[in-house]
Amino acid sequence: MEADLTFNSRRSPVVSLHGCVASSQPLASNIGLDILKRGGNAADAAVAVAAALAVTEPCSTGLGGDAFCLFYNGKTGDITGINGSGRSPKAQTLDFLEGLGYTAEIPPPPFDALNVTVPGAAACWCDTVQMFGSQKLSLLEVLSGARWGFPVAEVTVHHWANWLDAQRDAGKRVDENLLIDGHAPKFGQVYKNPALAQTLKNLGEGGKSAFYKGRTAQAIVDVINQHGGVMTLDDLSSHDSEVVTPISTDYKGVRLWEPPPNSQGLAALLLLNILESFPLKALGHNSPDYIHILVEAVRLTGTDSLRYLGDPAHVAVPLGTLLDKNYCQKRAQHISMDRAMEDVEPGLTGGSDTVYFCIIDTHGNACSFVNSNYMGFGTGLVPKDCGFSLQNRGAFFTLHRNHFNCVAGGKRPYHTIMSALLTDSPTSSQKPRLLAALGVMGALMQPQGHVQVLLNMLEFGMNPQQALDAPRVYIPSFNICIHPASQWLVNLEEGVSPEVAEELRRRGHTVRWPITGHKRSQFGRGQIITNNPPSKVLWAGSDPRGDGCAQGY
């Protein structure tokens, strides 16, 4: 029952001196901390946590999905990103899909094999260790902690069962690798996945080629083709991560860094730039005025990002114009304090389950990492003897011809996952100083979550745990670029007062309140570690909406 998941406990932020890990599973956090204690750095620990989460939370993440990484080098102050998202099969063109009878209004069903894009996580893990790791631990050593059985956590059990039910409701057969004796795991029941353990061992020993070529690649292609997909061995063998330069914006003396498109990190920066025009602290946390402005800014941001964001290798994303402060100030002028906007149009002319985690090590390095199957187990297709399910990230493509995010062969979709870093705002001659690694997972909630927890700290003085505990707001915006304004909903978590909900309705918003129990998952699950250079104390929080925790030493 939804009411069984209550939020009445209090948790202090974790404080530590030498290193800290925050993730959505305590066992994964512990594995990451072990890597730090063995001499590994933040990048090594991040990949160890990613692998552990693939074992402990397969209903959110795994080797069949994608990943993004931002790494802060404690010695140089350089920030580098890895885009670990995969492309659609080269044969999967719009003409091909239309030939099968699919249209913009009737795309392939969410769990269809046609929605499998090349899994990018494995390459991202390998490249993170190779590019940023300490070089004191081999990839096999980094992955070794994730290869054993474990008791399944409480919130994970709920989502695991729900996503299996969704697969069955869609007429899909559930693979035995995702079950225990034919059933979803129960809370505390030990789940073992020897096939995944072997796949991780192969990856540790053979690197990227062990995944994108040979037995694993053939198994991926076989299961996709058996179910009507068109991925080939060449689609897999030609995949590689992309090293990217993060995008960023200043906000009152700090700078937020996000992955560039095709990630939706752009949406968080747009949202922050619009909100900069308003005296948020004076309005009060989660007051009617504060939430009203946030909602309207999300509507403006969502309209722009869903209209203009796509794979920059296929479309020219107007980053410079969108991130220009003057542009965002003009967008902010559309917001009226007393009434919700009637229509929201793009400003230029012409779901979902994920894991986010972060690590800061004793050398001042930080790794902000996000990994996802997209919708739970993704397609639910499990390659033979591999132990992981394949993502359905391609379901986020549109079949609207000439749209920035229109499906095409060898194209990356608009990608919801995003990881963030916060620094000071340095002068041109200085390197940025790390302030925090942060993220909130959860499809289109992610930019909204990034900004809400960030403002909780910057404007309202909350520590990382308080910032994650505070009630959140979520405005779903799927396909808003083609839906009327009346489709916008304002979901308010329990803890926001009924008076606020009523006042927002009076201003013309469609409000759902209160959102309670397991339905709180729509507000995302976040992790934050802040860095306080004078004292060298790390402060960390982990979201109460998940099973996780922060650990330090």
Protein backbone atom coordinates (compact mmCIF):
# COMPACT_ATOMS: atom_id res chain seq x y z
CA MET A 1 0.00 0.00 0.00
CA GLU A 2 1.20 3.52 -0.74
CA ALA A 3 0.66 4.61 2.86
CA ASP A 4 3.18 1.99 4.04
CA LEU A 5 6.06 4.21 2.89
CA THR A 6 6.19 7.03 5.40
CA PHE A 7 8.68 9.88 5.79
CA ASN A 8 8.78 10.64 9.50
CA SER A 9 12.44 10.06 10.38
CA ARG A 10 15.23 12.58 10.57
CA ARG A 11 18.70 12.07 9.15
CA SER A 12 21.79 14.20 9.79
CA PRO A 13 24.18 15.04 6.97
CA VAL A 14 27.26 12.82 6.83
CA VAL A 15 30.46 14.72 7.58
CA SER A 16 33.92 13.38 6.81
CA LEU A 17 37.48 14.47 6.06
CA HIS A 18 39.08 12.05 3.62
CA GLY A 19 36.46 10.88 1.17
CA CYS A 20 32.73 10.45 0.71
CA VAL A 21 30.33 8.41 -1.44
CA ALA A 22 26.59 9.00 -1.82
CA SER A 23 24.39 6.58 -3.75
CA SER A 24 20.90 5.07 -3.77
CA GLN A 25 22.03 1.75 -2.20
CA PRO A 26 24.03 1.42 1.06
CA LEU A 27 25.89 -1.64 -0.23
CA ALA A 28 26.97 0.30 -3.33
CA SER A 29 28.09 3.28 -1.22
CA ASN A 30 30.13 0.90 0.92
CA ILE A 31 31.80 -0.65 -2.13
CA GLY A 32 32.75 2.81 -3.39
CA LEU A 33 34.17 3.74 0.00
CA ASP A 34 36.25 0.54 0.02
CA ILE A 35 37.78 1.58 -3.31
CA LEU A 36 38.77 4.96 -1.84
CA LYS A 37 40.34 3.29 1.18
CA ARG A 38 42.34 0.96 -1.09
CA GLY A 39 43.95 3.93 -2.81
CA GLY A 40 41.50 4.44 -5.66
CA ASN A 41 40.20 7.90 -6.45
CA ALA A 42 36.76 9.36 -7.11
CA ALA A 43 36.63 8.04 -10.68
CA ASP A 44 37.57 4.49 -9.63
CA ALA A 45 34.98 4.58 -6.86
CA ALA A 46 32.30 5.93 -9.21
CA VAL A 47 32.68 2.97 -11.57
CA ALA A 48 32.70 0.55 -8.64
CA VAL A 49 29.42 2.11 -7.44
CA ALA A 50 27.96 1.98 -10.97
CA ALA A 51 28.70 -1.73 -11.17
CA ALA A 52 27.33 -2.38 -7.70
CA LEU A 53 24.10 -0.55 -8.54
CA ALA A 54 23.79 -2.64 -11.70
CA VAL A 55 23.64 -5.65 -9.39
CA THR A 56 21.62 -4.18 -6.50
CA GLU A 57 19.17 -2.02 -8.49
CA PRO A 58 18.74 -3.58 -11.95
CA CYS A 59 15.25 -2.07 -12.16
CA SER A 60 16.96 1.30 -12.64
CA THR A 61 20.38 0.81 -14.14
CA GLY A 62 22.91 -1.57 -15.61
CA LEU A 63 25.22 -2.51 -18.44
CA GLY A 64 22.32 -2.40 -20.88
CA GLY A 65 21.87 1.34 -20.34
CA ASP A 66 23.70 4.64 -20.78
CA ALA A 67 25.80 6.85 -18.52
CA PHE A 68 27.15 10.39 -18.22
CA CYS A 69 30.14 11.45 -16.13
CA LEU A 70 31.54 14.79 -15.01
CA PHE A 71 35.00 14.72 -13.39
CA TYR A 72 36.65 17.52 -11.44
CA ASN A 73 40.45 17.23 -11.22
CA GLY A 74 41.51 18.33 -7.75
CA LYS A 75 45.03 19.23 -8.90
CA THR A 76 44.26 21.27 -11.99
CA GLY A 77 40.68 22.43 -11.45
CA ASP A 78 39.77 21.09 -14.90
CA ILE A 79 36.26 19.72 -15.46
CA THR A 80 35.80 17.10 -18.17
CA GLY A 81 32.73 15.17 -19.23
CA ILE A 82 32.09 11.79 -20.82
CA ASN A 83 28.93 11.29 -22.88
CA GLY A 84 28.24 7.60 -22.51
CA SER A 85 24.99 7.51 -24.45
CA GLY A 86 24.48 5.20 -27.41
CA ARG A 87 23.03 5.73 -30.86
CA SER A 88 20.12 4.16 -32.65
CA PRO A 89 20.87 1.34 -35.10
CA LYS A 90 22.03 2.72 -38.45
CA ALA A 91 19.14 0.96 -40.22
CA GLN A 92 16.52 2.52 -37.94
CA THR A 93 15.48 5.52 -40.02
CA LEU A 94 12.21 7.41 -39.97
CA ASP A 95 11.34 5.94 -43.37
CA PHE A 96 11.96 2.44 -42.00
CA LEU A 97 9.66 3.00 -39.01
CA GLU A 98 6.97 4.60 -41.15
CA GLY A 99 7.21 1.59 -43.43
CA LEU A 100 6.27 -0.56 -40.44
CA GLY A 101 3.19 1.60 -39.92
CA TYR A 102 4.47 3.76 -37.06
CA THR A 103 3.75 7.47 -36.92
CA ALA A 104 4.36 10.43 -34.61
CA GLU A 105 0.99 9.73 -33.02
CA ILE A 106 1.53 5.94 -32.86
CA PRO A 107 5.25 5.22 -32.25
CA PRO A 108 6.63 1.80 -31.31
CA PRO A 109 5.40 0.70 -27.86
CA PRO A 110 7.76 1.72 -25.02
CA PHE A 111 9.17 -1.76 -24.37
CA ASP A 112 9.59 -2.67 -28.05
CA ALA A 113 12.97 -3.95 -29.27
CA LEU A 114 12.95 -1.07 -31.77
CA ASN A 115 13.62 1.26 -28.83
CA VAL A 116 16.96 -0.32 -27.93
CA THR A 117 19.84 2.07 -28.57
CA VAL A 118 23.46 0.94 -28.27
CA PRO A 119 24.22 0.56 -24.53
CA GLY A 120 26.87 3.14 -23.69
CA ALA A 121 27.44 2.43 -19.99
CA ALA A 122 30.15 -0.21 -20.42
CA ALA A 123 32.33 2.07 -22.54
CA CYS A 124 31.74 4.98 -20.15
CA TRP A 125 32.86 2.87 -17.18
CA CYS A 126 36.03 1.77 -18.95
CA ASP A 127 36.86 5.28 -20.13
CA THR A 128 36.19 6.84 -16.73
CA VAL A 129 38.76 4.55 -15.10
CA GLN A 130 41.25 4.93 -17.94
CA MET A 131 40.98 8.72 -18.30
CA PHE A 132 40.40 9.84 -14.71
CA GLY A 133 41.25 6.88 -12.46
CA SER A 134 44.17 6.66 -10.02
CA GLN A 135 45.87 3.93 -12.10
CA LYS A 136 46.48 2.12 -8.80
CA LEU A 137 43.64 -0.33 -9.38
CA SER A 138 42.84 -2.33 -12.50
CA LEU A 139 39.38 -2.24 -14.04
CA LEU A 140 38.88 -5.81 -12.84
CA GLU A 141 39.70 -4.77 -9.27
CA VAL A 142 37.32 -1.81 -9.53
CA LEU A 143 34.49 -4.08 -10.69
CA SER A 144 35.23 -6.99 -8.36
CA GLY A 145 33.09 -5.81 -5.44
CA ALA A 146 29.88 -5.97 -7.45
CA ARG A 147 29.83 -9.61 -8.42
CA TRP A 148 28.07 -11.30 -5.52
CA GLY A 149 24.54 -11.85 -4.21
CA PHE A 150 22.82 -9.28 -2.01
CA PRO A 151 19.59 -8.73 -0.01
CA VAL A 152 17.15 -6.52 -1.92
CA ALA A 153 16.27 -3.18 -0.31
CA GLU A 154 12.75 -1.96 0.53
CA VAL A 155 12.13 0.80 -2.03
CA THR A 156 13.92 -1.20 -4.72
CA VAL A 157 11.54 -4.14 -4.11
CA HIS A 158 8.57 -1.89 -4.82
CA HIS A 159 9.94 -0.51 -8.09
CA TRP A 160 11.27 -3.91 -9.17
CA ALA A 161 7.78 -5.44 -8.86
CA ASN A 162 6.07 -2.47 -10.51
CA TRP A 163 8.32 -2.55 -13.57
CA LEU A 164 7.91 -6.31 -13.93
CA ASP A 165 4.13 -5.83 -13.79
CA ALA A 166 4.42 -3.12 -16.46
CA GLN A 167 6.32 -5.56 -18.68
CA ARG A 168 3.66 -8.23 -18.19
CA ASP A 169 0.83 -5.75 -18.77
CA ALA A 170 2.45 -4.90 -22.10
CA GLY A 171 2.38 -8.59 -23.04
CA LYS A 172 6.11 -9.11 -22.51
CA ARG A 173 7.66 -12.26 -21.12
CA VAL A 174 9.78 -11.51 -18.04
CA ASP A 175 13.26 -13.01 -18.21
CA GLU A 176 14.21 -15.43 -15.41
CA ASN A 177 17.37 -13.41 -14.73
CA LEU A 178 15.16 -10.68 -13.28
CA LEU A 179 13.29 -13.04 -10.91
CA ILE A 180 13.87 -15.26 -7.89
CA ASP A 181 12.14 -18.61 -8.35
CA GLY A 182 9.80 -17.06 -10.90
CA HIS A 183 8.80 -14.07 -8.78
CA ALA A 184 9.93 -10.54 -8.06
CA PRO A 185 12.24 -10.38 -5.02
CA LYS A 186 10.81 -9.73 -1.57
CA PHE A 187 12.27 -7.22 0.87
CA GLY A 188 15.47 -8.70 2.30
CA GLN A 189 15.50 -11.70 -0.05
CA VAL A 190 18.94 -12.50 -1.47
CA TYR A 191 19.23 -12.00 -5.23
CA LYS A 192 22.08 -13.57 -7.18
CA ASN A 193 22.92 -13.01 -10.82
CA PRO A 194 25.83 -15.27 -11.84
CA ALA A 195 25.41 -14.38 -15.53
CA LEU A 196 25.94 -10.68 -14.75
CA ALA A 197 28.88 -11.56 -12.49
CA GLN A 198 30.54 -13.30 -15.43
CA THR A 199 29.79 -10.38 -17.77
CA LEU A 200 31.40 -7.97 -15.28
CA LYS A 201 34.43 -10.27 -14.97
CA ASN A 202 34.78 -10.37 -18.76
CA LEU A 203 34.52 -6.58 -18.94
CA GLY A 204 37.15 -6.17 -16.23
CA GLU A 205 39.55 -8.50 -18.00
CA GLY A 206 38.91 -7.54 -21.61
CA GLY A 207 37.75 -3.90 -21.47
CA LYS A 208 35.38 -2.41 -24.03
CA SER A 209 36.03 -5.04 -26.70
CA ALA A 210 34.73 -7.72 -24.32
CA PHE A 211 31.34 -6.00 -24.45
CA TYR A 212 31.06 -4.44 -27.90
CA LYS A 213 32.59 -7.39 -29.75
CA GLY A 214 32.50 -11.15 -29.31
CA ARG A 215 30.03 -13.19 -27.25
CA THR A 216 28.26 -10.35 -25.43
CA ALA A 217 27.79 -8.29 -28.58
CA GLN A 218 26.42 -11.30 -30.45
CA ALA A 219 23.99 -12.05 -27.62
CA ILE A 220 22.76 -8.42 -27.68
CA VAL A 221 22.19 -8.50 -31.43
CA ASP A 222 20.53 -11.90 -31.29
CA VAL A 223 17.91 -11.00 -28.66
CA ILE A 224 17.10 -7.68 -30.37
CA ASN A 225 16.73 -9.25 -33.79
CA GLN A 226 14.63 -12.10 -32.40
CA HIS A 227 12.14 -9.47 -31.24
CA GLY A 228 11.98 -7.37 -34.38
CA GLY A 229 14.83 -4.91 -33.87
CA VAL A 230 17.52 -4.10 -36.42
CA MET A 231 20.72 -3.59 -34.42
CA THR A 232 23.86 -5.10 -35.94
CA LEU A 233 27.31 -6.10 -34.71
CA ASP A 234 28.65 -3.07 -36.57
CA ASP A 235 26.35 -0.77 -34.59
CA LEU A 236 27.95 -2.12 -31.41
CA SER A 237 31.59 -2.35 -32.52
CA SER A 238 31.55 1.21 -33.87
CA HIS A 239 30.34 2.66 -30.55
CA ASP A 240 32.60 4.71 -28.32
CA SER A 241 32.21 7.29 -25.58
CA GLU A 242 32.55 10.96 -26.42
CA VAL A 243 34.73 13.24 -24.33
CA VAL A 244 32.77 16.49 -23.96
CA THR A 245 33.22 19.98 -22.55
CA PRO A 246 30.56 20.65 -19.91
CA ILE A 247 28.26 23.65 -20.29
CA SER A 248 27.65 26.01 -17.39
CA THR A 249 26.04 29.16 -16.10
CA ASP A 250 26.70 31.57 -13.22
CA TYR A 251 24.18 32.11 -10.44
CA LYS A 252 24.95 34.65 -7.73
CA GLY A 253 28.65 33.90 -7.48
CA VAL A 254 28.59 30.15 -8.16
CA ARG A 255 28.71 28.18 -11.40
CA LEU A 256 26.61 25.11 -12.20
CA TRP A 257 28.16 22.64 -14.67
CA GLU A 258 26.10 20.15 -16.69
CA PRO A 259 26.71 17.77 -19.61
CA PRO A 260 26.04 19.34 -23.03
CA PRO A 261 23.39 18.07 -25.47
CA ASN A 262 22.21 15.44 -26.17
CA SER A 263 21.87 15.45 -22.35
CA GLN A 264 19.15 17.69 -20.94
CA GLY A 265 21.66 19.41 -18.65
CA LEU A 266 20.87 22.49 -20.76
CA ALA A 267 17.38 22.57 -19.20
CA ALA A 268 18.75 23.03 -15.68
CA LEU A 269 20.91 25.95 -16.80
CA LEU A 270 18.00 27.60 -18.63
CA LEU A 271 15.81 27.18 -15.56
CA LEU A 272 18.42 28.70 -13.27
CA ASN A 273 18.95 31.65 -15.62
CA ILE A 274 15.22 32.43 -15.71
CA LEU A 275 14.87 32.15 -11.92
CA GLU A 276 17.78 34.55 -11.43
CA SER A 277 15.39 37.41 -12.30
CA PHE A 278 13.32 36.86 -9.14
CA PRO A 279 13.97 37.49 -5.39
CA LEU A 280 13.48 33.85 -4.45
CA LYS A 281 14.83 34.03 -0.89
CA ALA A 282 12.47 36.89 -0.02
CA LEU A 283 9.49 34.92 -1.35
CA GLY A 284 10.08 32.07 1.11
CA HIS A 285 10.73 28.38 0.54
CA ASN A 286 7.79 26.56 -1.09
CA SER A 287 5.54 29.61 -0.69
CA PRO A 288 2.79 30.14 -3.29
CA ASP A 289 4.86 32.84 -5.04
CA TYR A 290 8.01 30.70 -5.04
CA ILE A 291 6.31 27.61 -6.46
CA HIS A 292 4.31 29.69 -8.97
CA ILE A 293 7.51 31.23 -10.37
CA LEU A 294 9.26 27.85 -10.38
CA VAL A 295 6.37 26.23 -12.26
CA GLU A 296 6.18 28.98 -14.86
CA ALA A 297 9.95 28.91 -15.34
CA VAL A 298 9.84 25.12 -15.80
CA ARG A 299 7.14 25.55 -18.44
CA LEU A 300 9.28 28.05 -20.35
CA THR A 301 12.38 25.89 -19.98
CA GLY A 302 10.64 22.65 -20.88
CA THR A 303 9.14 24.16 -24.01
CA ASP A 304 12.55 25.34 -25.19
CA SER A 305 14.53 22.22 -24.30
CA LEU A 306 11.99 19.80 -25.78
CA ARG A 307 11.87 21.88 -28.94
CA TYR A 308 15.57 22.55 -29.54
CA LEU A 309 17.52 19.80 -27.81
CA GLY A 310 18.82 16.82 -29.79
CA ASP A 311 21.98 15.10 -30.97
CA PRO A 312 24.43 17.90 -31.92
CA ALA A 313 25.97 15.60 -34.52
CA HIS A 314 22.66 15.75 -36.42
CA VAL A 315 21.18 19.16 -35.55
CA ALA A 316 22.57 22.58 -34.68
CA VAL A 317 21.46 23.12 -31.07
CA PRO A 318 21.39 26.93 -30.49
CA LEU A 319 23.33 26.73 -27.21
CA GLY A 320 24.79 30.22 -27.34
CA THR A 321 21.44 31.90 -27.82
CA LEU A 322 19.57 29.78 -25.27
CA LEU A 323 22.16 30.32 -22.53
CA ASP A 324 22.49 34.05 -23.15
CA LYS A 325 21.42 35.87 -19.98
CA ASN A 326 19.48 38.44 -22.02
CA TYR A 327 17.46 35.70 -23.68
CA CYS A 328 16.52 34.19 -20.31
CA GLN A 329 15.64 37.60 -18.88
CA LYS A 330 13.23 38.11 -21.77
CA ARG A 331 11.73 34.67 -21.11
CA ALA A 332 11.29 35.61 -17.44
CA GLN A 333 9.18 38.62 -18.48
CA HIS A 334 6.46 36.21 -19.64
CA ILE A 335 5.79 35.29 -16.01
CA SER A 336 2.93 37.09 -14.27
CA MET A 337 2.72 36.77 -10.51
CA ASP A 338 -1.05 36.53 -10.31
CA ARG A 339 -1.93 34.13 -13.12
CA ALA A 340 -0.54 31.07 -14.88
CA MET A 341 0.44 31.61 -18.51
CA GLU A 342 -2.25 30.69 -21.02
CA ASP A 343 0.10 29.53 -23.75
CA VAL A 344 3.79 28.64 -23.69
CA GLU A 345 5.67 28.79 -26.94
CA PRO A 346 9.36 28.16 -27.72
CA GLY A 347 11.37 31.35 -27.34
CA LEU A 348 13.26 31.19 -30.64
CA THR A 349 11.77 31.53 -34.08
CA GLY A 350 12.45 29.13 -36.80
CA GLY A 351 10.15 8.37 -17.40
CA SER A 352 11.67 6.70 -15.66
CA ASP A 353 14.26 5.14 -13.56
CA THR A 354 17.89 6.07 -13.18
CA VAL A 355 20.64 6.03 -10.57
CA TYR A 356 22.70 9.07 -9.65
CA PHE A 357 25.72 9.00 -7.34
CA CYS A 358 28.70 11.15 -6.50
CA ILE A 359 32.12 10.82 -4.92
CA ILE A 360 34.69 13.29 -3.61
CA ASP A 361 38.07 11.84 -2.61
CA THR A 362 40.89 12.92 -0.32
CA HIS A 363 42.74 14.57 -3.23
CA GLY A 364 39.84 16.91 -3.98
CA ASN A 365 38.75 15.03 -7.10
CA ALA A 366 35.01 14.73 -7.67
CA CYS A 367 33.05 12.39 -9.90
CA SER A 368 29.39 13.11 -10.65
CA PHE A 369 27.88 10.07 -12.37
CA VAL A 370 24.47 9.03 -13.67
CA ASN A 371 23.50 5.65 -15.17
CA SER A 372 20.12 4.54 -16.51
CA ASN A 373 18.04 1.93 -18.36
CA TYR A 374 15.41 4.65 -18.95
CA MET A 375 12.10 2.95 -18.00
CA GLY A 376 12.83 0.47 -15.22
CA PHE A 377 14.32 -2.60 -16.88
CA GLY A 378 14.25 -0.78 -20.23
CA THR A 379 12.83 -3.12 -22.85
CA GLY A 380 13.21 -6.04 -20.45
CA LEU A 381 15.13 -7.95 -23.12
CA VAL A 382 18.02 -9.88 -21.56
CA PRO A 383 20.81 -11.11 -23.87
CA LYS A 384 21.50 -14.83 -23.38
CA ASP A 385 23.84 -15.59 -20.46
CA CYS A 386 24.60 -11.90 -19.92
CA GLY A 387 22.42 -11.09 -16.91
CA PHE A 388 21.40 -7.52 -17.80
CA SER A 389 18.40 -5.99 -19.58
CA LEU A 390 18.61 -3.64 -22.56
CA GLN A 391 17.48 -0.03 -22.28
CA ASN A 392 14.58 1.52 -24.20
CA ARG A 393 16.14 4.96 -24.54
CA GLY A 394 14.98 5.17 -28.16
CA ALA A 395 11.42 5.62 -26.89
CA PHE A 396 12.31 9.27 -26.31
CA PHE A 397 12.78 9.92 -30.03
CA THR A 398 9.92 11.61 -31.81
CA LEU A 399 8.63 10.57 -35.24
CA HIS A 400 7.78 14.18 -36.13
CA ARG A 401 9.75 14.78 -39.33
CA ASN A 402 12.20 17.73 -39.12
CA HIS A 403 11.99 17.90 -35.32
CA PHE A 404 15.38 18.31 -33.59
CA ASN A 405 14.82 14.98 -31.82
CA CYS A 406 13.35 13.08 -34.80
CA VAL A 407 14.54 9.49 -35.04
CA ALA A 408 17.33 8.74 -37.53
CA GLY A 409 19.86 6.00 -38.06
CA GLY A 410 22.97 6.32 -35.89
CA LYS A 411 21.52 9.19 -33.84
CA ARG A 412 21.50 9.83 -30.11
CA PRO A 413 18.10 10.74 -28.61
CA TYR A 414 17.30 13.68 -26.36
CA HIS A 415 18.70 12.23 -23.16
CA THR A 416 17.11 12.84 -19.79
CA ILE A 417 20.05 11.77 -17.63
CA MET A 418 22.45 14.42 -16.36
CA SER A 419 25.10 14.80 -13.67
CA ALA A 420 26.16 18.11 -12.15
CA LEU A 421 29.05 19.85 -10.42
CA LEU A 422 29.03 23.18 -8.59
CA THR A 423 32.06 25.48 -8.37
CA ASP A 424 32.76 29.07 -7.57
CA SER A 425 32.72 31.55 -10.46
CA PRO A 426 36.40 32.05 -11.26
CA THR A 427 37.98 34.84 -13.27
CA SER A 428 39.36 33.98 -16.68
CA SER A 429 42.84 33.46 -15.18
CA GLN A 430 41.68 31.11 -12.42
CA LYS A 431 40.50 27.54 -12.31
CA PRO A 432 37.11 26.86 -10.70
CA ARG A 433 37.10 25.72 -7.08
CA LEU A 434 34.88 22.73 -6.31
CA LEU A 435 31.87 23.39 -4.10
CA ALA A 436 29.66 20.33 -4.65
CA ALA A 437 28.80 17.26 -6.66
CA LEU A 438 25.06 16.85 -6.97
CA GLY A 439 22.27 15.26 -8.92
CA VAL A 440 18.63 14.19 -8.78
CA MET A 441 17.63 11.23 -10.93
CA GLY A 442 14.22 10.74 -12.52
CA ALA A 443 13.53 11.46 -16.21
CA LEU A 444 12.27 15.02 -16.82
CA MET A 445 12.32 15.69 -13.06
CA GLN A 446 16.11 15.88 -13.21
CA PRO A 447 16.66 19.53 -14.21
CA GLN A 448 13.82 20.55 -11.92
CA GLY A 449 15.37 18.53 -9.09
CA HIS A 450 18.88 19.86 -9.68
CA VAL A 451 17.64 23.42 -9.41
CA GLN A 452 15.35 22.84 -6.43
CA VAL A 453 17.98 21.19 -4.24
CA LEU A 454 20.57 23.75 -5.35
CA LEU A 455 18.30 26.65 -4.41
CA ASN A 456 17.51 24.94 -1.11
CA MET A 457 21.20 25.28 -0.28
CA LEU A 458 22.05 28.61 -1.93
CA GLU A 459 18.94 30.63 -1.15
CA PHE A 460 17.55 28.97 1.96
CA GLY A 461 20.70 27.88 3.79
CA MET A 462 19.95 24.16 3.95
CA ASN A 463 22.66 21.55 4.40
CA PRO A 464 22.85 18.74 1.79
CA GLN A 465 20.57 16.37 3.70
CA GLN A 466 17.98 19.06 4.43
CA ALA A 467 18.08 20.12 0.78
CA LEU A 468 17.18 16.58 -0.27
CA ASP A 469 14.60 16.05 2.48
CA ALA A 470 12.56 19.15 1.64
CA PRO A 471 9.24 18.60 -0.24
CA ARG A 472 9.60 19.04 -3.99
CA VAL A 473 7.53 20.13 -6.96
CA TYR A 474 7.35 18.25 -10.27
CA ILE A 475 5.88 19.49 -13.53
CA PRO A 476 5.70 16.60 -16.05
CA SER A 477 6.45 17.90 -19.53
CA PHE A 478 6.50 14.93 -21.92
CA ASN A 479 5.62 16.10 -25.42
CA ILE A 480 4.66 19.55 -24.15
CA CYS A 481 6.16 20.94 -27.35
CA ILE A 482 3.10 19.57 -29.17
CA HIS A 483 0.50 19.61 -26.35
CA PRO A 484 -1.69 22.54 -25.35
CA ALA A 485 -0.83 24.51 -22.22
CA SER A 486 -3.70 22.83 -20.37
CA GLN A 487 -1.66 19.61 -20.27
CA TRP A 488 0.78 21.03 -17.69
CA LEU A 489 0.26 19.57 -14.21
CA VAL A 490 1.77 20.74 -10.93
CA ASN A 491 2.52 17.80 -8.65
CA LEU A 492 3.15 18.82 -5.04
CA GLU A 493 4.72 16.46 -2.54
CA GLU A 494 3.24 15.91 0.89
CA GLY A 495 4.74 18.56 3.14
CA VAL A 496 3.71 21.45 0.91
CA SER A 497 0.82 23.10 2.74
CA PRO A 498 -2.78 22.74 1.52
CA GLU A 499 -3.05 26.55 1.48
CA VAL A 500 -0.25 26.71 -1.07
CA ALA A 501 -1.98 24.11 -3.25
CA GLU A 502 -5.23 26.04 -3.14
CA GLU A 503 -3.57 29.37 -3.96
CA LEU A 504 -1.84 27.82 -6.97
CA ARG A 505 -5.19 26.52 -8.20
CA ARG A 506 -6.61 30.02 -7.81
CA ARG A 507 -3.87 31.32 -10.10
CA GLY A 508 -4.90 28.88 -12.80
CA HIS A 509 -2.61 25.90 -12.20
CA THR A 510 -3.79 22.31 -12.41
CA VAL A 511 -2.55 20.90 -9.09
CA ARG A 512 -2.17 17.38 -7.74
CA TRP A 513 -1.67 17.40 -3.97
CA PRO A 514 -0.62 15.67 -1.82
CA ILE A 515 1.66 13.11 -3.49
CA THR A 516 2.48 10.50 -0.83
CA GLY A 517 4.05 7.08 -0.27
CA HIS A 518 5.79 5.37 -3.15
CA LYS A 519 4.30 7.91 -5.55
CA ARG A 520 6.97 10.26 -4.20
CA SER A 521 9.37 8.53 -6.57
CA GLN A 522 8.27 10.96 -9.30
CA PHE A 523 10.18 13.69 -7.42
CA GLY A 524 13.44 11.87 -8.07
CA ARG A 525 16.14 10.53 -5.79
CA GLY A 526 19.18 12.71 -5.27
CA GLN A 527 22.65 12.69 -3.76
CA ILE A 528 24.77 15.68 -2.73
CA ILE A 529 28.33 16.03 -1.42
CA THR A 530 29.54 19.54 -0.65
CA ASN A 531 33.19 20.54 -0.36
CA ASN A 532 34.25 23.16 2.18
CA PRO A 533 37.87 24.03 1.30
CA PRO A 534 38.87 26.04 4.41
CA SER A 535 37.89 23.23 6.81
CA LYS A 536 38.37 20.36 4.31
CA VAL A 537 35.16 18.84 5.69
CA LEU A 538 32.86 17.05 3.24
CA TRP A 539 29.12 17.29 3.96
CA ALA A 540 26.84 14.76 2.27
CA GLY A 541 23.20 13.81 1.96
CA SER A 542 21.22 11.00 0.37
CA ASP A 543 17.58 11.16 -0.68
CA PRO A 544 14.99 9.72 1.72
CA ARG A 545 12.86 8.72 -1.30
CA GLY A 546 15.34 5.92 -2.02
CA ASP A 547 17.17 3.17 -0.14
CA GLY A 548 20.55 4.87 -0.18
CA CYS A 549 22.95 6.64 2.10
CA ALA A 550 26.11 8.68 2.13
CA GLN A 551 29.24 7.21 3.72
CA GLY A 552 32.53 8.89 4.50
CA TYR A 553 35.78 8.32 6.31
